[in-house]
Amino acid sequence: ALRLEEAATLLAGAHAVAGLDTGLTHLAAALNVPTVGIYCATDPRATGIYGCPRAVNLGDIGRPPAVREVTVALEQLLASSRDIPSPLNDQLSARSRDIPSPLMGEG
């Protein structure tokens, strides 16, 4: 299990994030990482990612987005955000080198 600071550091180092309506998805958007919020069981008008220029909400209650919708949204976010600086993201990305990836194992 990762501590919140470790999760934030890993998210900050991501090129993009696509995730369900969870705290980690909102954290990625708050870190200014290009983020697609996927909504299936919650209302994005009530709990969506807002105030983040690099985020988009897809889907709705009972209407999850198609995979193609998510990939197109990610591609558009990445294309439009290549030149937008993110000092907090850069600072946390630099620290991410010190945290082992849970996907890579310890060895």
Protein backbone atom coordinates (compact mmCIF):
# COMPACT_ATOMS: atom_id res chain seq x y z
CA ALA A 1 0.00 0.00 0.00
CA LEU A 2 1.19 3.48 -0.85
CA ARG A 3 1.02 6.46 1.44
CA LEU A 4 -0.86 9.43 0.00
CA GLU A 5 2.38 11.35 -0.57
CA GLU A 6 3.79 8.40 -2.53
CA ALA A 7 0.62 8.13 -4.61
CA ALA A 8 0.75 11.87 -5.31
CA THR A 9 4.37 11.60 -6.40
CA LEU A 10 3.59 8.73 -8.78
CA LEU A 11 0.57 10.54 -10.23
CA ALA A 12 2.58 13.72 -10.69
CA GLY A 13 5.04 11.78 -12.83
CA ALA A 14 2.34 10.38 -15.11
CA HIS A 15 1.96 11.63 -18.67
CA ALA A 16 -1.83 11.25 -18.28
CA VAL A 17 -4.40 9.58 -16.04
CA ALA A 18 -7.75 7.98 -16.82
CA GLY A 19 -9.69 6.87 -13.77
CA LEU A 20 -13.05 6.38 -12.18
CA ASP A 21 -14.59 8.96 -9.86
CA THR A 22 -12.10 8.43 -7.03
CA GLY A 23 -9.93 10.62 -4.90
CA LEU A 24 -6.84 9.55 -6.83
CA THR A 25 -8.34 10.70 -10.13
CA HIS A 26 -9.21 14.06 -8.58
CA LEU A 27 -5.69 14.25 -7.11
CA ALA A 28 -4.15 13.70 -10.56
CA ALA A 29 -6.23 16.57 -11.94
CA ALA A 30 -5.29 18.79 -8.99
CA LEU A 31 -1.63 18.05 -9.80
CA ASN A 32 -2.32 19.37 -13.32
CA VAL A 33 -1.79 15.98 -14.97
CA PRO A 34 -3.96 15.53 -18.07
CA THR A 35 -6.88 13.57 -16.59
CA VAL A 36 -10.00 11.86 -17.89
CA GLY A 37 -12.59 11.25 -15.19
CA ILE A 38 -14.76 8.24 -16.00
CA TYR A 39 -18.28 8.25 -14.61
CA CYS A 40 -20.56 5.20 -14.52
CA ALA A 41 -22.38 5.28 -11.20
CA THR A 42 -21.98 8.88 -10.11
CA ASP A 43 -23.13 12.18 -11.60
CA PRO A 44 -20.23 14.15 -13.08
CA ARG A 45 -22.25 17.35 -12.66
CA ALA A 46 -22.15 16.75 -8.90
CA THR A 47 -18.74 15.12 -8.38
CA GLY A 48 -16.86 15.83 -11.60
CA ILE A 49 -13.40 17.25 -12.05
CA TYR A 50 -13.78 21.02 -12.36
CA GLY A 51 -11.35 23.92 -12.16
CA CYS A 52 -8.58 21.91 -13.82
CA PRO A 53 -7.70 23.01 -17.37
CA ARG A 54 -6.23 19.59 -18.16
CA ALA A 55 -9.26 17.49 -17.19
CA VAL A 56 -12.41 16.20 -18.85
CA ASN A 57 -15.38 14.26 -17.48
CA LEU A 58 -16.89 11.42 -19.54
CA GLY A 59 -19.94 9.25 -18.95
CA ASP A 60 -22.85 9.55 -16.58
CA ILE A 61 -24.98 7.45 -14.25
CA GLY A 62 -25.72 4.23 -16.13
CA ARG A 63 -23.87 5.44 -19.24
CA PRO A 64 -20.16 4.66 -19.06
CA PRO A 65 -18.04 6.12 -21.84
CA ALA A 66 -16.81 3.92 -24.67
CA VAL A 67 -13.11 3.07 -24.70
CA ARG A 68 -12.74 5.12 -27.87
CA GLU A 69 -14.20 8.20 -26.12
CA VAL A 70 -11.62 7.87 -23.36
CA THR A 71 -8.67 7.38 -25.72
CA VAL A 72 -9.71 10.32 -27.93
CA ALA A 73 -10.10 12.55 -24.85
CA LEU A 74 -6.65 11.51 -23.58
CA GLU A 75 -5.08 12.20 -26.98
CA GLN A 76 -6.72 15.64 -27.13
CA LEU A 77 -5.63 16.51 -23.59
CA LEU A 78 -2.07 15.44 -24.29
CA ALA A 79 -1.93 17.36 -27.56
CA SER A 80 -3.31 20.54 -26.01
CA SER A 81 -1.24 20.45 -22.83
CA ARG A 82 2.27 19.80 -24.12
CA ASP A 83 3.37 23.40 -23.62
CA ILE A 84 1.53 24.18 -20.38
CA PRO A 85 4.04 24.35 -17.50
CA SER A 86 3.22 22.70 -14.20
CA PRO A 87 5.72 23.64 -11.45
CA LEU A 88 4.08 21.45 -8.77
CA ASN A 89 3.96 18.51 -11.15
CA ASP A 90 7.63 19.02 -12.06
CA GLN A 91 8.64 19.17 -8.41
CA LEU A 92 6.78 15.97 -7.52
CA SER A 93 7.99 14.21 -10.68
CA ALA A 94 11.56 14.80 -9.62
CA ARG A 95 10.82 13.09 -6.31
CA SER A 96 9.15 10.09 -8.02
CA ARG A 97 12.52 8.61 -8.95
CA ASP A 98 13.03 7.74 -5.27
CA ILE A 99 9.79 5.73 -4.91
CA PRO A 100 9.71 2.15 -6.22
CA SER A 101 6.85 1.47 -8.59
CA PRO A 102 4.29 -1.02 -7.24
CA LEU A 103 3.91 -2.28 -10.81
CA MET A 104 7.61 -3.03 -11.26
CA GLY A 105 8.18 -5.04 -8.09
CA GLU A 106 11.01 -4.52 -5.67
CA GLY A 107 13.76 -6.30 -7.56
